[in-house]
Amino acid sequence: MQNDFPNQGLLYKRLEQWRTLQRQLHQLSDNIHHKIEGAYVAYKIAEIEGKNQLSLLSTELLEEANKALALAQITEEEIEKGMLRQ
């Protein structure tokens, strides 16, 4: 089998690297989701209490979380493109 597929070891190594990266990106996505969810809950609580505006800090946190999510998506797409080219 090794003679027929000499790069099999390399393929397994890359596949494991890809799976590790996928797990890390999934964890990052979950973390971002929880942070955004927490900010949203805080916003809704403030809204119920009559404070209809997000604080500047909350707005900045939401913007940063959205940027991180977008970057994670771009990173994942670029990695997938790179894996398909090889």
C-alpha atoms as a PDB file:
ATOM      1  CA  MET A   1       0.000   0.000   0.000  1.00  0.00           C
ATOM      2  CA  GLN A   2       2.888   2.341   0.830  1.00  0.00           C
ATOM      3  CA  ASN A   3       4.253   1.793  -2.697  1.00  0.00           C
ATOM      4  CA  ASP A   4       0.940   2.747  -4.277  1.00  0.00           C
ATOM      5  CA  PHE A   5       0.467   5.809  -2.059  1.00  0.00           C
ATOM      6  CA  PRO A   6       3.889   7.090  -0.958  1.00  0.00           C
ATOM      7  CA  ASN A   7       2.485  10.374   0.369  1.00  0.00           C
ATOM      8  CA  GLN A   8      -0.065   8.666   2.589  1.00  0.00           C
ATOM      9  CA  GLY A   9       1.800   9.628   5.775  1.00  0.00           C
ATOM     10  CA  LEU A  10       1.884  13.271   4.709  1.00  0.00           C
ATOM     11  CA  LEU A  11      -1.817  13.177   3.905  1.00  0.00           C
ATOM     12  CA  TYR A  12      -2.643  11.763   7.330  1.00  0.00           C
ATOM     13  CA  LYS A  13      -0.496  14.426   8.983  1.00  0.00           C
ATOM     14  CA  ARG A  14      -2.195  17.236   7.047  1.00  0.00           C
ATOM     15  CA  LEU A  15      -5.612  15.779   7.739  1.00  0.00           C
ATOM     16  CA  GLU A  16      -4.876  15.726  11.466  1.00  0.00           C
ATOM     17  CA  GLN A  17      -3.580  19.306  11.296  1.00  0.00           C
ATOM     18  CA  TRP A  18      -6.778  20.333   9.517  1.00  0.00           C
ATOM     19  CA  ARG A  19      -8.945  18.600  12.120  1.00  0.00           C
ATOM     20  CA  THR A  20      -7.008  20.305  14.924  1.00  0.00           C
ATOM     21  CA  LEU A  21      -7.470  23.682  13.262  1.00  0.00           C
ATOM     22  CA  GLN A  22     -11.164  22.988  12.733  1.00  0.00           C
ATOM     23  CA  ARG A  23     -11.576  22.183  16.444  1.00  0.00           C
ATOM     24  CA  GLN A  24      -9.729  25.381  17.402  1.00  0.00           C
ATOM     25  CA  LEU A  25     -11.806  27.507  15.024  1.00  0.00           C
ATOM     26  CA  HIS A  26     -14.992  25.890  16.306  1.00  0.00           C
ATOM     27  CA  GLN A  27     -13.972  26.659  19.899  1.00  0.00           C
ATOM     28  CA  LEU A  28     -13.162  30.246  18.930  1.00  0.00           C
ATOM     29  CA  SER A  29     -16.524  30.564  17.239  1.00  0.00           C
ATOM     30  CA  ASP A  30     -18.267  29.213  20.343  1.00  0.00           C
ATOM     31  CA  ASN A  31     -16.355  31.672  22.539  1.00  0.00           C
ATOM     32  CA  ILE A  32     -17.305  34.602  20.310  1.00  0.00           C
ATOM     33  CA  HIS A  33     -20.919  33.443  20.286  1.00  0.00           C
ATOM     34  CA  HIS A  34     -21.022  33.316  24.089  1.00  0.00           C
ATOM     35  CA  LYS A  35     -19.475  36.791  24.399  1.00  0.00           C
ATOM     36  CA  ILE A  36     -21.952  38.271  21.933  1.00  0.00           C
ATOM     37  CA  GLU A  37     -24.824  36.472  23.621  1.00  0.00           C
ATOM     38  CA  GLY A  38     -23.712  37.843  27.007  1.00  0.00           C
ATOM     39  CA  ALA A  39     -23.482  41.375  25.614  1.00  0.00           C
ATOM     40  CA  TYR A  40     -26.946  41.014  24.090  1.00  0.00           C
ATOM     41  CA  VAL A  41     -28.417  39.799  27.375  1.00  0.00           C
ATOM     42  CA  ALA A  42     -26.818  42.751  29.178  1.00  0.00           C
ATOM     43  CA  TYR A  43     -28.261  45.081  26.537  1.00  0.00           C
ATOM     44  CA  LYS A  44     -31.754  43.604  26.942  1.00  0.00           C
ATOM     45  CA  ILE A  45     -31.548  43.911  30.726  1.00  0.00           C
ATOM     46  CA  ALA A  46     -30.535  47.557  30.365  1.00  0.00           C
ATOM     47  CA  GLU A  47     -33.374  48.083  27.891  1.00  0.00           C
ATOM     48  CA  ILE A  48     -35.903  46.577  30.320  1.00  0.00           C
ATOM     49  CA  GLU A  49     -34.572  48.834  33.066  1.00  0.00           C
ATOM     50  CA  GLY A  50     -35.159  51.832  30.835  1.00  0.00           C
ATOM     51  CA  LYS A  51     -31.619  52.359  29.632  1.00  0.00           C
ATOM     52  CA  ASN A  52     -32.263  52.254  25.906  1.00  0.00           C
ATOM     53  CA  GLN A  53     -28.694  52.760  24.703  1.00  0.00           C
ATOM     54  CA  LEU A  54     -25.728  50.462  24.649  1.00  0.00           C
ATOM     55  CA  SER A  55     -22.780  51.867  26.467  1.00  0.00           C
ATOM     56  CA  LEU A  56     -19.783  52.848  24.378  1.00  0.00           C
ATOM     57  CA  LEU A  57     -17.845  49.896  25.776  1.00  0.00           C
ATOM     58  CA  SER A  58     -20.594  47.420  24.867  1.00  0.00           C
ATOM     59  CA  THR A  59     -20.764  48.825  21.349  1.00  0.00           C
ATOM     60  CA  GLU A  60     -16.999  48.508  20.955  1.00  0.00           C
ATOM     61  CA  LEU A  61     -17.056  44.943  22.302  1.00  0.00           C
ATOM     62  CA  LEU A  62     -19.747  43.953  19.821  1.00  0.00           C
ATOM     63  CA  GLU A  63     -17.799  45.536  16.971  1.00  0.00           C
ATOM     64  CA  GLU A  64     -14.614  43.693  17.974  1.00  0.00           C
ATOM     65  CA  ALA A  65     -16.482  40.399  18.301  1.00  0.00           C
ATOM     66  CA  ASN A  66     -17.936  40.876  14.818  1.00  0.00           C
ATOM     67  CA  LYS A  67     -14.459  41.634  13.418  1.00  0.00           C
ATOM     68  CA  ALA A  68     -13.045  38.513  15.084  1.00  0.00           C
ATOM     69  CA  LEU A  69     -15.851  36.401  13.674  1.00  0.00           C
ATOM     70  CA  ALA A  70     -15.288  37.797  10.177  1.00  0.00           C
ATOM     71  CA  LEU A  71     -11.537  37.150  10.417  1.00  0.00           C
ATOM     72  CA  ALA A  72     -12.159  33.592  11.597  1.00  0.00           C
ATOM     73  CA  GLN A  73     -14.428  33.016   8.587  1.00  0.00           C
ATOM     74  CA  ILE A  74     -11.833  34.430   6.181  1.00  0.00           C
ATOM     75  CA  THR A  75      -9.102  32.316   7.785  1.00  0.00           C
ATOM     76  CA  GLU A  76     -11.184  29.169   7.470  1.00  0.00           C
ATOM     77  CA  GLU A  77     -11.971  29.878   3.806  1.00  0.00           C
ATOM     78  CA  GLU A  78      -8.315  30.559   2.969  1.00  0.00           C
ATOM     79  CA  ILE A  79      -7.191  27.372   4.709  1.00  0.00           C
ATOM     80  CA  GLU A  80      -9.805  25.359   2.838  1.00  0.00           C
ATOM     81  CA  LYS A  81      -8.631  26.880  -0.465  1.00  0.00           C
ATOM     82  CA  GLY A  82      -5.034  26.023   0.423  1.00  0.00           C
ATOM     83  CA  MET A  83      -5.938  22.458   1.322  1.00  0.00           C
ATOM     84  CA  LEU A  84      -7.778  21.999  -1.978  1.00  0.00           C
ATOM     85  CA  ARG A  85      -4.794  23.275  -3.984  1.00  0.00           C
ATOM     86  CA  GLN A  86      -2.439  20.707  -2.470  1.00  0.00           C
END
